[in-house]
Amino acid sequence: MCPHDRDGRDKLWFKSILEATNFQTETLPDTKHVSIAIELSHQDIAIRQQYFEQLKLLKIILEESTGEEWLWQLHHSNEEGQTMCRVVKIENGVNIFNEAGWPVIISFLNVGLWHWMSFGIW
């Protein structure tokens, strides 16, 4: 059976695009911020950019379904120096080691993951 979104639209085509790429999701808390990201890390630059452009066609749908603006980065280098495309939401000013910031971090990640699930990504 084909997965559908809240409005009954078929999501299988979207999942097949993501499965064909080196697609990953990331939730990353550290000492300065917490982020949640969709990352495309295909080694072939042209293919990676093509998938990013296809994903970018869904920008309005993603941002309407999450109620938030996301940062769309065609070229992003991670800490290991790997270049990728990513769509990311960042909450600055929180520290995973500061217990006072945990409610903000937990809320940010819970809301972000819930939005992805409603969009059909997670």
PDB file of N, CA and C in Angstrom:
ATOM      1  N   MET A   1       0.842  -1.183   0.000  1.00  0.00           N
ATOM      2  CA  MET A   1       0.000   0.000   0.000  1.00  0.00           C
ATOM      3  C   MET A   1       0.881   1.238   0.000  1.00  0.00           C
ATOM      4  N   CYS A   2       0.493   2.209  -0.765  1.00  0.00           N
ATOM      5  CA  CYS A   2       1.251   3.443  -0.924  1.00  0.00           C
ATOM      6  C   CYS A   2       1.033   4.369   0.275  1.00  0.00           C
ATOM      7  N   PRO A   3       2.091   4.939   0.862  1.00  0.00           N
ATOM      8  CA  PRO A   3       1.878   5.899   1.937  1.00  0.00           C
ATOM      9  C   PRO A   3       1.261   7.179   1.385  1.00  0.00           C
ATOM     10  N   HIS A   4       0.424   7.813   2.192  1.00  0.00           N
ATOM     11  CA  HIS A   4      -0.228   9.056   1.780  1.00  0.00           C
ATOM     12  C   HIS A   4      -0.055  10.099   2.868  1.00  0.00           C
ATOM     13  N   ASP A   5      -0.114  11.366   2.467  1.00  0.00           N
ATOM     14  CA  ASP A   5      -0.054  12.434   3.446  1.00  0.00           C
ATOM     15  C   ASP A   5      -1.452  12.691   3.998  1.00  0.00           C
ATOM     16  N   ARG A   6      -1.588  13.728   4.818  1.00  0.00           N
ATOM     17  CA  ARG A   6      -2.867  14.037   5.451  1.00  0.00           C
ATOM     18  C   ARG A   6      -3.979  14.277   4.438  1.00  0.00           C
ATOM     19  N   ASP A   7      -3.627  14.805   3.275  1.00  0.00           N
ATOM     20  CA  ASP A   7      -4.626  15.123   2.260  1.00  0.00           C
ATOM     21  C   ASP A   7      -4.818  13.993   1.260  1.00  0.00           C
ATOM     22  N   GLY A   8      -4.235  12.823   1.522  1.00  0.00           N
ATOM     23  CA  GLY A   8      -4.422  11.671   0.664  1.00  0.00           C
ATOM     24  C   GLY A   8      -3.510  11.621  -0.550  1.00  0.00           C
ATOM     25  N   ARG A   9      -2.536  12.526  -0.631  1.00  0.00           N
ATOM     26  CA  ARG A   9      -1.623  12.526  -1.776  1.00  0.00           C
ATOM     27  C   ARG A   9      -0.591  11.417  -1.621  1.00  0.00           C
ATOM     28  N   ASP A  10      -0.226  10.817  -2.727  1.00  0.00           N
ATOM     29  CA  ASP A  10       0.740   9.728  -2.757  1.00  0.00           C
ATOM     30  C   ASP A  10       2.130  10.254  -2.407  1.00  0.00           C
ATOM     31  N   LYS A  11       2.817   9.611  -1.451  1.00  0.00           N
ATOM     32  CA  LYS A  11       4.159  10.029  -1.053  1.00  0.00           C
ATOM     33  C   LYS A  11       5.234   9.072  -1.538  1.00  0.00           C
ATOM     34  N   LEU A  12       4.863   8.004  -2.196  1.00  0.00           N
ATOM     35  CA  LEU A  12       5.830   6.998  -2.593  1.00  0.00           C
ATOM     36  C   LEU A  12       6.907   7.566  -3.511  1.00  0.00           C
ATOM     37  N   TRP A  13       6.537   8.433  -4.452  1.00  0.00           N
ATOM     38  CA  TRP A  13       7.523   9.007  -5.368  1.00  0.00           C
ATOM     39  C   TRP A  13       8.578   9.778  -4.605  1.00  0.00           C
ATOM     40  N   PHE A  14       8.184  10.470  -3.554  1.00  0.00           N
ATOM     41  CA  PHE A  14       9.118  11.251  -2.757  1.00  0.00           C
ATOM     42  C   PHE A  14      10.080  10.329  -2.031  1.00  0.00           C
ATOM     43  N   LYS A  15       9.560   9.266  -1.430  1.00  0.00           N
ATOM     44  CA  LYS A  15      10.415   8.306  -0.725  1.00  0.00           C
ATOM     45  C   LYS A  15      11.376   7.622  -1.681  1.00  0.00           C
ATOM     46  N   SER A  16      10.935   7.323  -2.906  1.00  0.00           N
ATOM     47  CA  SER A  16      11.824   6.640  -3.845  1.00  0.00           C
ATOM     48  C   SER A  16      12.978   7.544  -4.257  1.00  0.00           C
ATOM     49  N   ILE A  17      12.753   8.841  -4.378  1.00  0.00           N
ATOM     50  CA  ILE A  17      13.839   9.781  -4.672  1.00  0.00           C
ATOM     51  C   ILE A  17      14.850   9.755  -3.529  1.00  0.00           C
ATOM     52  N   LEU A  18      14.358   9.804  -2.310  1.00  0.00           N
ATOM     53  CA  LEU A  18      15.253   9.849  -1.159  1.00  0.00           C
ATOM     54  C   LEU A  18      16.020   8.546  -0.993  1.00  0.00           C
ATOM     55  N   GLU A  19      15.393   7.424  -1.277  1.00  0.00           N
ATOM     56  CA  GLU A  19      16.074   6.149  -1.139  1.00  0.00           C
ATOM     57  C   GLU A  19      17.136   5.964  -2.213  1.00  0.00           C
ATOM     58  N   ALA A  20      16.994   6.642  -3.344  1.00  0.00           N
ATOM     59  CA  ALA A  20      17.957   6.513  -4.436  1.00  0.00           C
ATOM     60  C   ALA A  20      19.193   7.377  -4.206  1.00  0.00           C
ATOM     61  N   THR A  21      19.139   8.272  -3.265  1.00  0.00           N
ATOM     62  CA  THR A  21      20.275   9.138  -2.973  1.00  0.00           C
ATOM     63  C   THR A  21      20.949   8.663  -1.704  1.00  0.00           C
ATOM     64  N   ASN A  22      22.059   9.280  -1.383  1.00  0.00           N
ATOM     65  CA  ASN A  22      22.651   9.058  -0.068  1.00  0.00           C
ATOM     66  C   ASN A  22      21.971  10.060   0.854  1.00  0.00           C
ATOM     67  N   PHE A  23      20.728   9.767   1.180  1.00  0.00           N
ATOM     68  CA  PHE A  23      19.876  10.629   1.990  1.00  0.00           C
ATOM     69  C   PHE A  23      19.987  10.216   3.442  1.00  0.00           C
ATOM     70  N   GLN A  24      20.086  11.191   4.287  1.00  0.00           N
ATOM     71  CA  GLN A  24      20.057  10.885   5.704  1.00  0.00           C
ATOM     72  C   GLN A  24      19.434  12.043   6.440  1.00  0.00           C
ATOM     73  N   THR A  25      18.898  11.741   7.591  1.00  0.00           N
ATOM     74  CA  THR A  25      18.399  12.789   8.464  1.00  0.00           C
ATOM     75  C   THR A  25      19.365  12.884   9.632  1.00  0.00           C
ATOM     76  N   GLU A  26      19.419  14.048  10.209  1.00  0.00           N
ATOM     77  CA  GLU A  26      20.358  14.246  11.305  1.00  0.00           C
ATOM     78  C   GLU A  26      19.713  15.116  12.355  1.00  0.00           C
ATOM     79  N   THR A  27      19.830  14.723  13.594  1.00  0.00           N
ATOM     80  CA  THR A  27      19.495  15.580  14.715  1.00  0.00           C
ATOM     81  C   THR A  27      20.777  15.703  15.520  1.00  0.00           C
ATOM     82  N   LEU A  28      21.205  16.910  15.725  1.00  0.00           N
ATOM     83  CA  LEU A  28      22.520  17.097  16.324  1.00  0.00           C
ATOM     84  C   LEU A  28      22.499  18.188  17.388  1.00  0.00           C
ATOM     85  N   PRO A  29      22.498  17.807  18.656  1.00  0.00           N
ATOM     86  CA  PRO A  29      22.701  18.794  19.711  1.00  0.00           C
ATOM     87  C   PRO A  29      24.194  18.881  20.044  1.00  0.00           C
ATOM     88  N   ASP A  30      24.675  20.067  20.347  1.00  0.00           N
ATOM     89  CA  ASP A  30      26.059  20.210  20.798  1.00  0.00           C
ATOM     90  C   ASP A  30      26.124  21.328  21.832  1.00  0.00           C
ATOM     91  N   THR A  31      27.261  21.943  21.992  1.00  0.00           N
ATOM     92  CA  THR A  31      27.418  22.953  23.036  1.00  0.00           C
ATOM     93  C   THR A  31      26.990  24.354  22.601  1.00  0.00           C
ATOM     94  N   LYS A  32      26.597  24.538  21.343  1.00  0.00           N
ATOM     95  CA  LYS A  32      26.220  25.870  20.865  1.00  0.00           C
ATOM     96  C   LYS A  32      24.841  25.923  20.220  1.00  0.00           C
ATOM     97  N   HIS A  33      24.369  24.793  19.708  1.00  0.00           N
ATOM     98  CA  HIS A  33      23.084  24.788  19.013  1.00  0.00           C
ATOM     99  C   HIS A  33      22.557  23.362  18.894  1.00  0.00           C
ATOM    100  N   VAL A  34      21.338  23.270  18.423  1.00  0.00           N
ATOM    101  CA  VAL A  34      20.754  21.984  18.066  1.00  0.00           C
ATOM    102  C   VAL A  34      20.204  22.146  16.649  1.00  0.00           C
ATOM    103  N   SER A  35      20.356  21.102  15.845  1.00  0.00           N
ATOM    104  CA  SER A  35      19.869  21.195  14.471  1.00  0.00           C
ATOM    105  C   SER A  35      19.167  19.919  14.074  1.00  0.00           C
ATOM    106  N   ILE A  36      18.316  20.056  13.095  1.00  0.00           N
ATOM    107  CA  ILE A  36      17.660  18.918  12.483  1.00  0.00           C
ATOM    108  C   ILE A  36      17.770  19.141  10.986  1.00  0.00           C
ATOM    109  N   ALA A  37      18.230  18.119  10.245  1.00  0.00           N
ATOM    110  CA  ALA A  37      18.570  18.334   8.843  1.00  0.00           C
ATOM    111  C   ALA A  37      18.201  17.150   7.963  1.00  0.00           C
ATOM    112  N   ILE A  38      17.951  17.467   6.720  1.00  0.00           N
ATOM    113  CA  ILE A  38      17.838  16.494   5.641  1.00  0.00           C
ATOM    114  C   ILE A  38      19.116  16.669   4.838  1.00  0.00           C
ATOM    115  N   GLU A  39      19.890  15.610   4.680  1.00  0.00           N
ATOM    116  CA  GLU A  39      21.176  15.725   3.995  1.00  0.00           C
ATOM    117  C   GLU A  39      21.232  14.812   2.776  1.00  0.00           C
ATOM    118  N   LEU A  40      21.754  15.348   1.684  1.00  0.00           N
ATOM    119  CA  LEU A  40      21.979  14.604   0.452  1.00  0.00           C
ATOM    120  C   LEU A  40      23.483  14.592   0.220  1.00  0.00           C
ATOM    121  N   SER A  41      24.083  13.409   0.288  1.00  0.00           N
ATOM    122  CA  SER A  41      25.537  13.338   0.234  1.00  0.00           C
ATOM    123  C   SER A  41      26.048  12.449  -0.892  1.00  0.00           C
ATOM    124  N   HIS A  42      25.326  12.393  -1.991  1.00  0.00           N
ATOM    125  CA  HIS A  42      25.770  11.577  -3.124  1.00  0.00           C
ATOM    126  C   HIS A  42      27.150  12.052  -3.569  1.00  0.00           C
ATOM    127  N   GLN A  43      28.057  11.134  -3.893  1.00  0.00           N
ATOM    128  CA  GLN A  43      29.421  11.518  -4.270  1.00  0.00           C
ATOM    129  C   GLN A  43      29.492  12.250  -5.597  1.00  0.00           C
ATOM    130  N   ASP A  44      28.570  11.952  -6.504  1.00  0.00           N
ATOM    131  CA  ASP A  44      28.531  12.625  -7.799  1.00  0.00           C
ATOM    132  C   ASP A  44      27.854  13.987  -7.619  1.00  0.00           C
ATOM    133  N   ILE A  45      28.615  15.053  -7.825  1.00  0.00           N
ATOM    134  CA  ILE A  45      28.120  16.412  -7.586  1.00  0.00           C
ATOM    135  C   ILE A  45      26.877  16.704  -8.415  1.00  0.00           C
ATOM    136  N   ALA A  46      26.885  16.330  -9.684  1.00  0.00           N
ATOM    137  CA  ALA A  46      25.752  16.620 -10.572  1.00  0.00           C
ATOM    138  C   ALA A  46      24.484  15.911 -10.094  1.00  0.00           C
ATOM    139  N   ILE A  47      24.626  14.658  -9.693  1.00  0.00           N
ATOM    140  CA  ILE A  47      23.465  13.913  -9.198  1.00  0.00           C
ATOM    141  C   ILE A  47      22.972  14.515  -7.893  1.00  0.00           C
ATOM    142  N   ARG A  48      23.914  14.838  -7.006  1.00  0.00           N
ATOM    143  CA  ARG A  48      23.539  15.445  -5.724  1.00  0.00           C
ATOM    144  C   ARG A  48      22.788  16.745  -5.947  1.00  0.00           C
ATOM    145  N   GLN A  49      23.257  17.589  -6.859  1.00  0.00           N
ATOM    146  CA  GLN A  49      22.595  18.860  -7.141  1.00  0.00           C
ATOM    147  C   GLN A  49      21.230  18.643  -7.788  1.00  0.00           C
ATOM    148  N   GLN A  50      21.127  17.631  -8.646  1.00  0.00           N
ATOM    149  CA  GLN A  50      19.847  17.325  -9.282  1.00  0.00           C
ATOM    150  C   GLN A  50      18.813  16.926  -8.231  1.00  0.00           C
ATOM    151  N   TYR A  51      19.201  16.061  -7.297  1.00  0.00           N
ATOM    152  CA  TYR A  51      18.278  15.670  -6.234  1.00  0.00           C
ATOM    153  C   TYR A  51      17.919  16.859  -5.345  1.00  0.00           C
ATOM    154  N   PHE A  52      18.889  17.721  -5.087  1.00  0.00           N
ATOM    155  CA  PHE A  52      18.617  18.903  -4.279  1.00  0.00           C
ATOM    156  C   PHE A  52      17.589  19.797  -4.971  1.00  0.00           C
ATOM    157  N   GLU A  53      17.748  19.986  -6.274  1.00  0.00           N
ATOM    158  CA  GLU A  53      16.797  20.810  -7.024  1.00  0.00           C
ATOM    159  C   GLU A  53      15.408  20.181  -7.013  1.00  0.00           C
ATOM    160  N   GLN A  54      15.345  18.851  -7.101  1.00  0.00           N
ATOM    161  CA  GLN A  54      14.047  18.172  -7.016  1.00  0.00           C
ATOM    162  C   GLN A  54      13.438  18.361  -5.634  1.00  0.00           C
ATOM    163  N   LEU A  55      14.251  18.240  -4.598  1.00  0.00           N
ATOM    164  CA  LEU A  55      13.763  18.454  -3.240  1.00  0.00           C
ATOM    165  C   LEU A  55      13.320  19.900  -3.062  1.00  0.00           C
ATOM    166  N   LYS A  56      14.047  20.815  -3.672  1.00  0.00           N
ATOM    167  CA  LYS A  56      13.720  22.243  -3.550  1.00  0.00           C
ATOM    168  C   LYS A  56      12.346  22.567  -4.148  1.00  0.00           C
ATOM    169  N   LEU A  57      11.896  21.754  -5.104  1.00  0.00           N
ATOM    170  CA  LEU A  57      10.555  21.934  -5.655  1.00  0.00           C
ATOM    171  C   LEU A  57       9.481  21.732  -4.585  1.00  0.00           C
ATOM    172  N   LEU A  58       9.849  21.028  -3.524  1.00  0.00           N
ATOM    173  CA  LEU A  58       8.921  20.771  -2.421  1.00  0.00           C
ATOM    174  C   LEU A  58       9.057  21.781  -1.284  1.00  0.00           C
ATOM    175  N   LYS A  59       9.866  22.813  -1.485  1.00  0.00           N
ATOM    176  CA  LYS A  59      10.138  23.784  -0.419  1.00  0.00           C
ATOM    177  C   LYS A  59       8.858  24.373   0.159  1.00  0.00           C
ATOM    178  N   ILE A  60       7.968  24.826  -0.690  1.00  0.00           N
ATOM    179  CA  ILE A  60       6.732  25.446  -0.204  1.00  0.00           C
ATOM    180  C   ILE A  60       5.906  24.432   0.586  1.00  0.00           C
ATOM    181  N   ILE A  61       5.813  23.204   0.078  1.00  0.00           N
ATOM    182  CA  ILE A  61       5.033  22.170   0.765  1.00  0.00           C
ATOM    183  C   ILE A  61       5.665  21.838   2.114  1.00  0.00           C
ATOM    184  N   LEU A  62       6.993  21.677   2.149  1.00  0.00           N
ATOM    185  CA  LEU A  62       7.685  21.373   3.406  1.00  0.00           C
ATOM    186  C   LEU A  62       7.475  22.493   4.415  1.00  0.00           C
ATOM    187  N   GLU A  63       7.681  23.726   3.984  1.00  0.00           N
ATOM    188  CA  GLU A  63       7.592  24.837   4.923  1.00  0.00           C
ATOM    189  C   GLU A  63       6.157  25.106   5.356  1.00  0.00           C
ATOM    190  N   GLU A  64       5.194  24.849   4.474  1.00  0.00           N
ATOM    191  CA  GLU A  64       3.790  24.983   4.888  1.00  0.00           C
ATOM    192  C   GLU A  64       3.401  23.874   5.855  1.00  0.00           C
ATOM    193  N   SER A  65       3.874  22.656   5.613  1.00  0.00           N
ATOM    194  CA  SER A  65       3.496  21.541   6.488  1.00  0.00           C
ATOM    195  C   SER A  65       4.181  21.638   7.849  1.00  0.00           C
ATOM    196  N   THR A  66       5.376  22.227   7.910  1.00  0.00           N
ATOM    197  CA  THR A  66       6.066  22.368   9.200  1.00  0.00           C
ATOM    198  C   THR A  66       5.760  23.694   9.875  1.00  0.00           C
ATOM    199  N   GLY A  67       5.292  24.668   9.098  1.00  0.00           N
ATOM    200  CA  GLY A  67       5.025  25.991   9.662  1.00  0.00           C
ATOM    201  C   GLY A  67       6.293  26.771   9.956  1.00  0.00           C
ATOM    202  N   GLU A  68       7.407  26.353   9.360  1.00  0.00           N
ATOM    203  CA  GLU A  68       8.696  26.988   9.635  1.00  0.00           C
ATOM    204  C   GLU A  68       9.492  27.166   8.358  1.00  0.00           C
ATOM    205  N   GLU A  69      10.381  28.147   8.364  1.00  0.00           N
ATOM    206  CA  GLU A  69      11.327  28.295   7.265  1.00  0.00           C
ATOM    207  C   GLU A  69      12.539  27.426   7.554  1.00  0.00           C
ATOM    208  N   TRP A  70      13.083  26.824   6.497  1.00  0.00           N
ATOM    209  CA  TRP A  70      14.267  25.989   6.611  1.00  0.00           C
ATOM    210  C   TRP A  70      15.383  26.632   5.808  1.00  0.00           C
ATOM    211  N   LEU A  71      16.608  26.380   6.204  1.00  0.00           N
ATOM    212  CA  LEU A  71      17.780  26.875   5.482  1.00  0.00           C
ATOM    213  C   LEU A  71      18.148  25.850   4.417  1.00  0.00           C
ATOM    214  N   TRP A  72      18.170  26.270   3.154  1.00  0.00           N
ATOM    215  CA  TRP A  72      18.451  25.385   2.021  1.00  0.00           C
ATOM    216  C   TRP A  72      19.877  25.646   1.565  1.00  0.00           C
ATOM    217  N   GLN A  73      20.772  24.675   1.759  1.00  0.00           N
ATOM    218  CA  GLN A  73      22.186  24.827   1.448  1.00  0.00           C
ATOM    219  C   GLN A  73      22.597  23.857   0.340  1.00  0.00           C
ATOM    220  N   LEU A  74      22.930  24.427  -0.826  1.00  0.00           N
ATOM    221  CA  LEU A  74      23.361  23.611  -1.952  1.00  0.00           C
ATOM    222  C   LEU A  74      24.733  22.991  -1.688  1.00  0.00           C
ATOM    223  N   HIS A  75      25.628  23.758  -1.055  1.00  0.00           N
ATOM    224  CA  HIS A  75      26.974  23.264  -0.743  1.00  0.00           C
ATOM    225  C   HIS A  75      27.245  23.489   0.742  1.00  0.00           C
ATOM    226  N   HIS A  76      27.314  22.404   1.478  1.00  0.00           N
ATOM    227  CA  HIS A  76      27.618  22.464   2.908  1.00  0.00           C
ATOM    228  C   HIS A  76      28.716  21.451   3.191  1.00  0.00           C
ATOM    229  N   SER A  77      29.719  21.843   3.949  1.00  0.00           N
ATOM    230  CA  SER A  77      30.772  20.917   4.364  1.00  0.00           C
ATOM    231  C   SER A  77      30.572  20.581   5.830  1.00  0.00           C
ATOM    232  N   ASN A  78      30.539  19.286   6.130  1.00  0.00           N
ATOM    233  CA  ASN A  78      30.384  18.873   7.519  1.00  0.00           C
ATOM    234  C   ASN A  78      31.744  18.875   8.217  1.00  0.00           C
ATOM    235  N   GLU A  79      31.758  18.429   9.464  1.00  0.00           N
ATOM    236  CA  GLU A  79      32.991  18.453  10.263  1.00  0.00           C
ATOM    237  C   GLU A  79      34.082  17.536   9.707  1.00  0.00           C
ATOM    238  N   GLU A  80      33.680  16.526   8.936  1.00  0.00           N
ATOM    239  CA  GLU A  80      34.655  15.612   8.333  1.00  0.00           C
ATOM    240  C   GLU A  80      35.132  16.109   6.975  1.00  0.00           C
ATOM    241  N   GLY A  81      34.639  17.271   6.538  1.00  0.00           N
ATOM    242  CA  GLY A  81      35.035  17.827   5.249  1.00  0.00           C
ATOM    243  C   GLY A  81      34.239  17.300   4.066  1.00  0.00           C
ATOM    244  N   GLN A  82      33.208  16.508   4.331  1.00  0.00           N
ATOM    245  CA  GLN A  82      32.366  15.966   3.262  1.00  0.00           C
ATOM    246  C   GLN A  82      31.401  17.062   2.795  1.00  0.00           C
ATOM    247  N   THR A  83      31.325  17.262   1.480  1.00  0.00           N
ATOM    248  CA  THR A  83      30.415  18.243   0.916  1.00  0.00           C
ATOM    249  C   THR A  83      29.089  17.574   0.622  1.00  0.00           C
ATOM    250  N   MET A  84      28.015  18.264   0.975  1.00  0.00           N
ATOM    251  CA  MET A  84      26.667  17.736   0.780  1.00  0.00           C
ATOM    252  C   MET A  84      25.707  18.887   0.563  1.00  0.00           C
ATOM    253  N   CYS A  85      24.509  18.539   0.162  1.00  0.00           N
ATOM    254  CA  CYS A  85      23.405  19.478   0.129  1.00  0.00           C
ATOM    255  C   CYS A  85      22.579  19.189   1.376  1.00  0.00           C
ATOM    256  N   ARG A  86      22.016  20.230   1.950  1.00  0.00           N
ATOM    257  CA  ARG A  86      21.180  19.960   3.108  1.00  0.00           C
ATOM    258  C   ARG A  86      20.097  21.008   3.273  1.00  0.00           C
ATOM    259  N   VAL A  87      19.058  20.571   3.935  1.00  0.00           N
ATOM    260  CA  VAL A  87      17.960  21.427   4.348  1.00  0.00           C
ATOM    261  C   VAL A  87      17.958  21.320   5.863  1.00  0.00           C
ATOM    262  N   VAL A  88      18.131  22.446   6.539  1.00  0.00           N
ATOM    263  CA  VAL A  88      18.381  22.385   7.978  1.00  0.00           C
ATOM    264  C   VAL A  88      17.583  23.449   8.725  1.00  0.00           C
ATOM    265  N   LYS A  89      17.238  23.116   9.949  1.00  0.00           N
ATOM    266  CA  LYS A  89      16.628  24.045  10.891  1.00  0.00           C
ATOM    267  C   LYS A  89      17.530  24.044  12.113  1.00  0.00           C
ATOM    268  N   ILE A  90      17.930  25.234  12.567  1.00  0.00           N
ATOM    269  CA  ILE A  90      18.893  25.349  13.666  1.00  0.00           C
ATOM    270  C   ILE A  90      18.307  26.196  14.791  1.00  0.00           C
ATOM    271  N   GLU A  91      18.490  25.737  16.012  1.00  0.00           N
ATOM    272  CA  GLU A  91      18.136  26.500  17.209  1.00  0.00           C
ATOM    273  C   GLU A  91      19.448  26.835  17.909  1.00  0.00           C
ATOM    274  N   ASN A  92      19.841  28.101  17.850  1.00  0.00           N
ATOM    275  CA  ASN A  92      21.107  28.536  18.445  1.00  0.00           C
ATOM    276  C   ASN A  92      20.947  28.863  19.926  1.00  0.00           C
ATOM    277  N   GLY A  93      22.064  28.910  20.614  1.00  0.00           N
ATOM    278  CA  GLY A  93      22.087  29.344  22.008  1.00  0.00           C
ATOM    279  C   GLY A  93      21.686  28.293  23.027  1.00  0.00           C
ATOM    280  N   VAL A  94      21.746  27.026  22.643  1.00  0.00           N
ATOM    281  CA  VAL A  94      21.454  25.963  23.602  1.00  0.00           C
ATOM    282  C   VAL A  94      22.662  25.042  23.704  1.00  0.00           C
ATOM    283  N   ASN A  95      22.835  24.469  24.894  1.00  0.00           N
ATOM    284  CA  ASN A  95      23.986  23.621  25.177  1.00  0.00           C
ATOM    285  C   ASN A  95      23.481  22.302  25.745  1.00  0.00           C
ATOM    286  N   ILE A  96      23.817  21.206  25.108  1.00  0.00           N
ATOM    287  CA  ILE A  96      23.362  19.881  25.543  1.00  0.00           C
ATOM    288  C   ILE A  96      23.823  19.572  26.968  1.00  0.00           C
ATOM    289  N   PHE A  97      24.908  20.199  27.412  1.00  0.00           N
ATOM    290  CA  PHE A  97      25.435  19.934  28.750  1.00  0.00           C
ATOM    291  C   PHE A  97      24.842  20.839  29.825  1.00  0.00           C
ATOM    292  N   ASN A  98      24.004  21.791  29.417  1.00  0.00           N
ATOM    293  CA  ASN A  98      23.339  22.684  30.361  1.00  0.00           C
ATOM    294  C   ASN A  98      21.900  22.202  30.531  1.00  0.00           C
ATOM    295  N   GLU A  99      21.610  21.632  31.681  1.00  0.00           N
ATOM    296  CA  GLU A  99      20.287  21.043  31.926  1.00  0.00           C
ATOM    297  C   GLU A  99      19.162  22.058  31.745  1.00  0.00           C
ATOM    298  N   ALA A 100      19.430  23.322  31.981  1.00  0.00           N
ATOM    299  CA  ALA A 100      18.398  24.345  31.824  1.00  0.00           C
ATOM    300  C   ALA A 100      17.927  24.456  30.371  1.00  0.00           C
ATOM    301  N   GLY A 101      18.775  24.068  29.417  1.00  0.00           N
ATOM    302  CA  GLY A 101      18.414  24.140  28.014  1.00  0.00           C
ATOM    303  C   GLY A 101      17.737  22.897  27.470  1.00  0.00           C
ATOM    304  N   TRP A 102      17.660  21.847  28.266  1.00  0.00           N
ATOM    305  CA  TRP A 102      17.090  20.587  27.791  1.00  0.00           C
ATOM    306  C   TRP A 102      15.640  20.720  27.312  1.00  0.00           C
ATOM    307  N   PRO A 103      14.778  21.451  28.015  1.00  0.00           N
ATOM    308  CA  PRO A 103      13.395  21.572  27.515  1.00  0.00           C
ATOM    309  C   PRO A 103      13.331  22.187  26.109  1.00  0.00           C
ATOM    310  N   VAL A 104      14.179  23.160  25.830  1.00  0.00           N
ATOM    311  CA  VAL A 104      14.208  23.788  24.506  1.00  0.00           C
ATOM    312  C   VAL A 104      14.695  22.777  23.472  1.00  0.00           C
ATOM    313  N   ILE A 105      15.760  22.046  23.800  1.00  0.00           N
ATOM    314  CA  ILE A 105      16.320  21.050  22.876  1.00  0.00           C
ATOM    315  C   ILE A 105      15.305  19.952  22.595  1.00  0.00           C
ATOM    316  N   ILE A 106      14.706  19.415  23.643  1.00  0.00           N
ATOM    317  CA  ILE A 106      13.739  18.328  23.482  1.00  0.00           C
ATOM    318  C   ILE A 106      12.542  18.787  22.667  1.00  0.00           C
ATOM    319  N   SER A 107      12.033  19.961  22.969  1.00  0.00           N
ATOM    320  CA  SER A 107      10.896  20.498  22.225  1.00  0.00           C
ATOM    321  C   SER A 107      11.244  20.703  20.756  1.00  0.00           C
ATOM    322  N   PHE A 108      12.414  21.287  20.502  1.00  0.00           N
ATOM    323  CA  PHE A 108      12.857  21.539  19.128  1.00  0.00           C
ATOM    324  C   PHE A 108      12.939  20.230  18.338  1.00  0.00           C
ATOM    325  N   LEU A 109      13.568  19.214  18.917  1.00  0.00           N
ATOM    326  CA  LEU A 109      13.714  17.939  18.226  1.00  0.00           C
ATOM    327  C   LEU A 109      12.376  17.219  18.072  1.00  0.00           C
ATOM    328  N   ASN A 110      11.542  17.230  19.113  1.00  0.00           N
ATOM    329  CA  ASN A 110      10.236  16.574  19.023  1.00  0.00           C
ATOM    330  C   ASN A 110       9.374  17.207  17.942  1.00  0.00           C
ATOM    331  N   VAL A 111       9.321  18.520  17.917  1.00  0.00           N
ATOM    332  CA  VAL A 111       8.517  19.221  16.913  1.00  0.00           C
ATOM    333  C   VAL A 111       9.079  18.965  15.524  1.00  0.00           C
ATOM    334  N   GLY A 112      10.402  19.034  15.373  1.00  0.00           N
ATOM    335  CA  GLY A 112      11.016  18.798  14.067  1.00  0.00           C
ATOM    336  C   GLY A 112      10.753  17.400  13.550  1.00  0.00           C
ATOM    337  N   LEU A 113      10.897  16.402  14.403  1.00  0.00           N
ATOM    338  CA  LEU A 113      10.651  15.016  13.987  1.00  0.00           C
ATOM    339  C   LEU A 113       9.174  14.789  13.687  1.00  0.00           C
ATOM    340  N   TRP A 114       8.303  15.385  14.475  1.00  0.00           N
ATOM    341  CA  TRP A 114       6.866  15.252  14.219  1.00  0.00           C
ATOM    342  C   TRP A 114       6.519  15.866  12.867  1.00  0.00           C
ATOM    343  N   HIS A 115       7.089  17.023  12.560  1.00  0.00           N
ATOM    344  CA  HIS A 115       6.835  17.648  11.263  1.00  0.00           C
ATOM    345  C   HIS A 115       7.329  16.768  10.129  1.00  0.00           C
ATOM    346  N   TRP A 116       8.504  16.168  10.283  1.00  0.00           N
ATOM    347  CA  TRP A 116       9.025  15.283   9.239  1.00  0.00           C
ATOM    348  C   TRP A 116       8.108  14.094   9.046  1.00  0.00           C
ATOM    349  N   MET A 117       7.626  13.524  10.151  1.00  0.00           N
ATOM    350  CA  MET A 117       6.735  12.377  10.045  1.00  0.00           C
ATOM    351  C   MET A 117       5.447  12.768   9.326  1.00  0.00           C
ATOM    352  N   SER A 118       4.924  13.947   9.611  1.00  0.00           N
ATOM    353  CA  SER A 118       3.692  14.370   8.953  1.00  0.00           C
ATOM    354  C   SER A 118       3.949  14.661   7.474  1.00  0.00           C
ATOM    355  N   PHE A 119       5.174  15.033   7.137  1.00  0.00           N
ATOM    356  CA  PHE A 119       5.540  15.287   5.742  1.00  0.00           C
ATOM    357  C   PHE A 119       5.911  13.990   5.026  1.00  0.00           C
ATOM    358  N   GLY A 120       6.189  12.944   5.782  1.00  0.00           N
ATOM    359  CA  GLY A 120       6.480  11.639   5.196  1.00  0.00           C
ATOM    360  C   GLY A 120       7.951  11.346   5.039  1.00  0.00           C
ATOM    361  N   ILE A 121       8.819  12.078   5.724  1.00  0.00           N
ATOM    362  CA  ILE A 121      10.257  11.882   5.569  1.00  0.00           C
ATOM    363  C   ILE A 121      10.776  10.841   6.550  1.00  0.00           C
ATOM    364  N   TRP A 122      10.382  10.886   7.766  1.00  0.00           N
ATOM    365  CA  TRP A 122      10.943  10.025   8.801  1.00  0.00           C
ATOM    366  C   TRP A 122      10.257   8.689   8.834  1.00  0.00           C
TER     367      TRP A 122
END
